Amino acid sequence: MLVHKCDRCKKTLTDRELTVKAGVGYDSYEFCKKCGAPIVRILKGYGLVKNLKTGLAL
């Protein structure tokens, strides 16, 4: 079983939770909704977020 945790607060993430994934290739990070909120706010400001339900579409 693969366990996903927020890379900032170490909270265990479930499949139903909204998560923010950032990075390229092996250097990637996964954040919970609370820790990823600043990242989403910046991406929305630049118009890079299309749909939060299906993921970040850049």
PDB file of N, CA and C in Angstrom:
ATOM      1  N   MET A   1       0.846  -1.178   0.000  1.00  0.00           N
ATOM      2  CA  MET A   1       0.000   0.000   0.000  1.00  0.00           C
ATOM      3  C   MET A   1       0.890   1.238   0.000  1.00  0.00           C
ATOM      4  N   LEU A   2       0.596   2.156  -0.883  1.00  0.00           N
ATOM      5  CA  LEU A   2       1.349   3.386  -1.010  1.00  0.00           C
ATOM      6  C   LEU A   2       0.683   4.473  -0.172  1.00  0.00           C
ATOM      7  N   VAL A   3       1.425   5.089   0.727  1.00  0.00           N
ATOM      8  CA  VAL A   3       0.885   6.124   1.602  1.00  0.00           C
ATOM      9  C   VAL A   3       1.398   7.475   1.128  1.00  0.00           C
ATOM     10  N   HIS A   4       0.489   8.406   0.897  1.00  0.00           N
ATOM     11  CA  HIS A   4       0.845   9.756   0.490  1.00  0.00           C
ATOM     12  C   HIS A   4       0.734  10.671   1.694  1.00  0.00           C
ATOM     13  N   LYS A   5       1.734  11.521   1.890  1.00  0.00           N
ATOM     14  CA  LYS A   5       1.729  12.482   2.978  1.00  0.00           C
ATOM     15  C   LYS A   5       2.075  13.854   2.438  1.00  0.00           C
ATOM     16  N   CYS A   6       1.536  14.882   3.086  1.00  0.00           N
ATOM     17  CA  CYS A   6       1.864  16.254   2.735  1.00  0.00           C
ATOM     18  C   CYS A   6       3.338  16.476   3.042  1.00  0.00           C
ATOM     19  N   ASP A   7       4.072  17.064   2.095  1.00  0.00           N
ATOM     20  CA  ASP A   7       5.504  17.265   2.292  1.00  0.00           C
ATOM     21  C   ASP A   7       5.804  18.405   3.260  1.00  0.00           C
ATOM     22  N   ARG A   8       4.806  19.167   3.642  1.00  0.00           N
ATOM     23  CA  ARG A   8       5.033  20.258   4.592  1.00  0.00           C
ATOM     24  C   ARG A   8       4.597  19.891   6.006  1.00  0.00           C
ATOM     25  N   CYS A   9       3.335  19.455   6.186  1.00  0.00           N
ATOM     26  CA  CYS A   9       2.811  19.195   7.533  1.00  0.00           C
ATOM     27  C   CYS A   9       2.781  17.711   7.883  1.00  0.00           C
ATOM     28  N   LYS A  10       3.125  16.835   6.944  1.00  0.00           N
ATOM     29  CA  LYS A  10       3.184  15.375   7.136  1.00  0.00           C
ATOM     30  C   LYS A  10       1.830  14.733   7.421  1.00  0.00           C
ATOM     31  N   LYS A  11       0.726  15.395   7.032  1.00  0.00           N
ATOM     32  CA  LYS A  11      -0.615  14.843   7.188  1.00  0.00           C
ATOM     33  C   LYS A  11      -0.821  13.764   6.127  1.00  0.00           C
ATOM     34  N   THR A  12      -1.424  12.645   6.503  1.00  0.00           N
ATOM     35  CA  THR A  12      -1.709  11.574   5.554  1.00  0.00           C
ATOM     36  C   THR A  12      -2.825  12.011   4.624  1.00  0.00           C
ATOM     37  N   LEU A  13      -2.608  11.849   3.321  1.00  0.00           N
ATOM     38  CA  LEU A  13      -3.568  12.276   2.306  1.00  0.00           C
ATOM     39  C   LEU A  13      -4.362  11.077   1.814  1.00  0.00           C
ATOM     40  N   THR A  14      -5.669  11.259   1.655  1.00  0.00           N
ATOM     41  CA  THR A  14      -6.525  10.206   1.126  1.00  0.00           C
ATOM     42  C   THR A  14      -6.787  10.470  -0.343  1.00  0.00           C
ATOM     43  N   ASP A  15      -7.385   9.497  -1.017  1.00  0.00           N
ATOM     44  CA  ASP A  15      -7.674   9.631  -2.442  1.00  0.00           C
ATOM     45  C   ASP A  15      -8.757  10.665  -2.716  1.00  0.00           C
ATOM     46  N   ARG A  16      -9.651  10.874  -1.778  1.00  0.00           N
ATOM     47  CA  ARG A  16     -10.778  11.784  -1.992  1.00  0.00           C
ATOM     48  C   ARG A  16     -10.436  13.242  -1.709  1.00  0.00           C
ATOM     49  N   GLU A  17      -9.283  13.477  -1.132  1.00  0.00           N
ATOM     50  CA  GLU A  17      -8.889  14.817  -0.746  1.00  0.00           C
ATOM     51  C   GLU A  17      -8.288  15.581  -1.920  1.00  0.00           C
ATOM     52  N   LEU A  18      -8.518  16.879  -1.946  1.00  0.00           N
ATOM     53  CA  LEU A  18      -7.896  17.734  -2.956  1.00  0.00           C
ATOM     54  C   LEU A  18      -6.442  17.937  -2.572  1.00  0.00           C
ATOM     55  N   THR A  19      -5.538  17.610  -3.480  1.00  0.00           N
ATOM     56  CA  THR A  19      -4.117  17.783  -3.215  1.00  0.00           C
ATOM     57  C   THR A  19      -3.505  18.653  -4.293  1.00  0.00           C
ATOM     58  N   VAL A  20      -2.393  19.263  -3.973  1.00  0.00           N
ATOM     59  CA  VAL A  20      -1.645  20.081  -4.919  1.00  0.00           C
ATOM     60  C   VAL A  20      -0.309  19.394  -5.140  1.00  0.00           C
ATOM     61  N   LYS A  21      -0.007  19.112  -6.392  1.00  0.00           N
ATOM     62  CA  LYS A  21       1.259  18.474  -6.738  1.00  0.00           C
ATOM     63  C   LYS A  21       2.086  19.477  -7.522  1.00  0.00           C
ATOM     64  N   ALA A  22       3.320  19.678  -7.093  1.00  0.00           N
ATOM     65  CA  ALA A  22       4.198  20.645  -7.744  1.00  0.00           C
ATOM     66  C   ALA A  22       5.552  20.012  -7.984  1.00  0.00           C
ATOM     67  N   GLY A  23       6.147  20.330  -9.123  1.00  0.00           N
ATOM     68  CA  GLY A  23       7.479  19.836  -9.415  1.00  0.00           C
ATOM     69  C   GLY A  23       7.564  19.224 -10.793  1.00  0.00           C
ATOM     70  N   VAL A  24       8.772  18.815 -11.131  1.00  0.00           N
ATOM     71  CA  VAL A  24       9.036  18.222 -12.438  1.00  0.00           C
ATOM     72  C   VAL A  24       9.854  16.960 -12.233  1.00  0.00           C
ATOM     73  N   GLY A  25       9.404  15.875 -12.823  1.00  0.00           N
ATOM     74  CA  GLY A  25      10.145  14.622 -12.761  1.00  0.00           C
ATOM     75  C   GLY A  25      10.250  14.070 -11.350  1.00  0.00           C
ATOM     76  N   TYR A  26      11.458  13.711 -10.963  1.00  0.00           N
ATOM     77  CA  TYR A  26      11.664  13.137  -9.634  1.00  0.00           C
ATOM     78  C   TYR A  26      11.599  14.189  -8.529  1.00  0.00           C
ATOM     79  N   ASP A  27      11.808  15.437  -8.875  1.00  0.00           N
ATOM     80  CA  ASP A  27      11.789  16.520  -7.895  1.00  0.00           C
ATOM     81  C   ASP A  27      10.374  17.090  -7.803  1.00  0.00           C
ATOM     82  N   SER A  28       9.450  16.316  -7.206  1.00  0.00           N
ATOM     83  CA  SER A  28       8.072  16.755  -7.089  1.00  0.00           C
ATOM     84  C   SER A  28       7.612  16.663  -5.642  1.00  0.00           C
ATOM     85  N   TYR A  29       6.624  17.477  -5.314  1.00  0.00           N
ATOM     86  CA  TYR A  29       6.112  17.565  -3.956  1.00  0.00           C
ATOM     87  C   TYR A  29       4.598  17.479  -3.986  1.00  0.00           C
ATOM     88  N   GLU A  30       4.017  16.974  -2.903  1.00  0.00           N
ATOM     89  CA  GLU A  30       2.571  16.846  -2.790  1.00  0.00           C
ATOM     90  C   GLU A  30       2.134  17.519  -1.490  1.00  0.00           C
ATOM     91  N   PHE A  31       1.130  18.409  -1.599  1.00  0.00           N
ATOM     92  CA  PHE A  31       0.667  19.186  -0.458  1.00  0.00           C
ATOM     93  C   PHE A  31      -0.818  18.960  -0.226  1.00  0.00           C
ATOM     94  N   CYS A  32      -1.245  19.062   1.043  1.00  0.00           N
ATOM     95  CA  CYS A  32      -2.665  18.995   1.366  1.00  0.00           C
ATOM     96  C   CYS A  32      -3.323  20.306   0.935  1.00  0.00           C
ATOM     97  N   LYS A  33      -4.635  20.371   1.058  1.00  0.00           N
ATOM     98  CA  LYS A  33      -5.379  21.548   0.612  1.00  0.00           C
ATOM     99  C   LYS A  33      -4.944  22.801   1.366  1.00  0.00           C
ATOM    100  N   LYS A  34      -4.720  22.673   2.659  1.00  0.00           N
ATOM    101  CA  LYS A  34      -4.343  23.826   3.484  1.00  0.00           C
ATOM    102  C   LYS A  34      -2.947  24.335   3.127  1.00  0.00           C
ATOM    103  N   CYS A  35      -1.990  23.457   3.011  1.00  0.00           N
ATOM    104  CA  CYS A  35      -0.613  23.855   2.705  1.00  0.00           C
ATOM    105  C   CYS A  35      -0.445  24.280   1.246  1.00  0.00           C
ATOM    106  N   GLY A  36      -1.281  23.746   0.357  1.00  0.00           N
ATOM    107  CA  GLY A  36      -1.181  24.078  -1.060  1.00  0.00           C
ATOM    108  C   GLY A  36      -1.975  25.302  -1.472  1.00  0.00           C
ATOM    109  N   ALA A  37      -2.744  25.895  -0.550  1.00  0.00           N
ATOM    110  CA  ALA A  37      -3.580  27.055  -0.877  1.00  0.00           C
ATOM    111  C   ALA A  37      -2.772  28.235  -1.425  1.00  0.00           C
ATOM    112  N   PRO A  38      -1.614  28.586  -0.857  1.00  0.00           N
ATOM    113  CA  PRO A  38      -0.842  29.692  -1.433  1.00  0.00           C
ATOM    114  C   PRO A  38      -0.373  29.419  -2.862  1.00  0.00           C
ATOM    115  N   ILE A  39      -0.043  28.175  -3.161  1.00  0.00           N
ATOM    116  CA  ILE A  39       0.390  27.822  -4.515  1.00  0.00           C
ATOM    117  C   ILE A  39      -0.766  27.989  -5.492  1.00  0.00           C
ATOM    118  N   VAL A  40      -1.951  27.511  -5.110  1.00  0.00           N
ATOM    119  CA  VAL A  40      -3.128  27.628  -5.967  1.00  0.00           C
ATOM    120  C   VAL A  40      -3.489  29.097  -6.173  1.00  0.00           C
ATOM    121  N   ARG A  41      -3.373  29.914  -5.139  1.00  0.00           N
ATOM    122  CA  ARG A  41      -3.691  31.345  -5.244  1.00  0.00           C
ATOM    123  C   ARG A  41      -2.762  32.032  -6.243  1.00  0.00           C
ATOM    124  N   ILE A  42      -1.477  31.711  -6.224  1.00  0.00           N
ATOM    125  CA  ILE A  42      -0.524  32.295  -7.175  1.00  0.00           C
ATOM    126  C   ILE A  42      -0.840  31.846  -8.597  1.00  0.00           C
ATOM    127  N   LEU A  43      -1.126  30.542  -8.779  1.00  0.00           N
ATOM    128  CA  LEU A  43      -1.439  30.038 -10.117  1.00  0.00           C
ATOM    129  C   LEU A  43      -2.730  30.635 -10.661  1.00  0.00           C
ATOM    130  N   LYS A  44      -3.726  30.849  -9.787  1.00  0.00           N
ATOM    131  CA  LYS A  44      -4.973  31.502 -10.218  1.00  0.00           C
ATOM    132  C   LYS A  44      -4.708  32.926 -10.658  1.00  0.00           C
ATOM    133  N   GLY A  45      -3.823  33.624  -9.958  1.00  0.00           N
ATOM    134  CA  GLY A  45      -3.475  34.993 -10.307  1.00  0.00           C
ATOM    135  C   GLY A  45      -2.893  35.106 -11.701  1.00  0.00           C
ATOM    136  N   TYR A  46      -2.144  34.096 -12.125  1.00  0.00           N
ATOM    137  CA  TYR A  46      -1.567  34.075 -13.466  1.00  0.00           C
ATOM    138  C   TYR A  46      -2.474  33.407 -14.492  1.00  0.00           C
ATOM    139  N   GLY A  47      -3.632  32.932 -14.057  1.00  0.00           N
ATOM    140  CA  GLY A  47      -4.571  32.288 -14.976  1.00  0.00           C
ATOM    141  C   GLY A  47      -4.140  30.909 -15.423  1.00  0.00           C
ATOM    142  N   LEU A  48      -3.385  30.200 -14.602  1.00  0.00           N
ATOM    143  CA  LEU A  48      -2.876  28.883 -14.985  1.00  0.00           C
ATOM    144  C   LEU A  48      -3.725  27.736 -14.478  1.00  0.00           C
ATOM    145  N   VAL A  49      -4.688  27.987 -13.599  1.00  0.00           N
ATOM    146  CA  VAL A  49      -5.553  26.942 -13.073  1.00  0.00           C
ATOM    147  C   VAL A  49      -6.854  26.961 -13.855  1.00  0.00           C
ATOM    148  N   LYS A  50      -7.189  25.824 -14.463  1.00  0.00           N
ATOM    149  CA  LYS A  50      -8.424  25.742 -15.234  1.00  0.00           C
ATOM    150  C   LYS A  50      -9.533  25.060 -14.452  1.00  0.00           C
ATOM    151  N   ASN A  51      -9.221  23.953 -13.761  1.00  0.00           N
ATOM    152  CA  ASN A  51     -10.248  23.204 -13.047  1.00  0.00           C
ATOM    153  C   ASN A  51      -9.605  22.509 -11.847  1.00  0.00           C
ATOM    154  N   LEU A  52     -10.047  22.857 -10.645  1.00  0.00           N
ATOM    155  CA  LEU A  52      -9.470  22.253  -9.447  1.00  0.00           C
ATOM    156  C   LEU A  52      -9.997  20.852  -9.181  1.00  0.00           C
ATOM    157  N   LYS A  53     -11.158  20.484  -9.726  1.00  0.00           N
ATOM    158  CA  LYS A  53     -11.715  19.147  -9.489  1.00  0.00           C
ATOM    159  C   LYS A  53     -10.928  18.067 -10.232  1.00  0.00           C
ATOM    160  N   THR A  54     -10.477  18.368 -11.431  1.00  0.00           N
ATOM    161  CA  THR A  54      -9.761  17.365 -12.220  1.00  0.00           C
ATOM    162  C   THR A  54      -8.263  17.511 -12.080  1.00  0.00           C
ATOM    163  N   GLY A  55      -7.801  18.522 -11.380  1.00  0.00           N
ATOM    164  CA  GLY A  55      -6.369  18.744 -11.216  1.00  0.00           C
ATOM    165  C   GLY A  55      -5.938  20.055 -11.832  1.00  0.00           C
ATOM    166  N   LEU A  56      -4.717  20.383 -11.654  1.00  0.00           N
ATOM    167  CA  LEU A  56      -4.187  21.623 -12.197  1.00  0.00           C
ATOM    168  C   LEU A  56      -3.844  21.433 -13.660  1.00  0.00           C
ATOM    169  N   ALA A  57      -4.542  22.152 -14.505  1.00  0.00           N
ATOM    170  CA  ALA A  57      -4.297  22.063 -15.938  1.00  0.00           C
ATOM    171  C   ALA A  57      -3.499  23.281 -16.359  1.00  0.00           C
ATOM    172  N   LEU A  58      -2.220  23.092 -16.622  1.00  0.00           N
ATOM    173  CA  LEU A  58      -1.367  24.211 -17.009  1.00  0.00           C
ATOM    174  C   LEU A  58      -1.194  24.264 -18.490  1.00  0.00           C
TER     175      LEU A  58
END
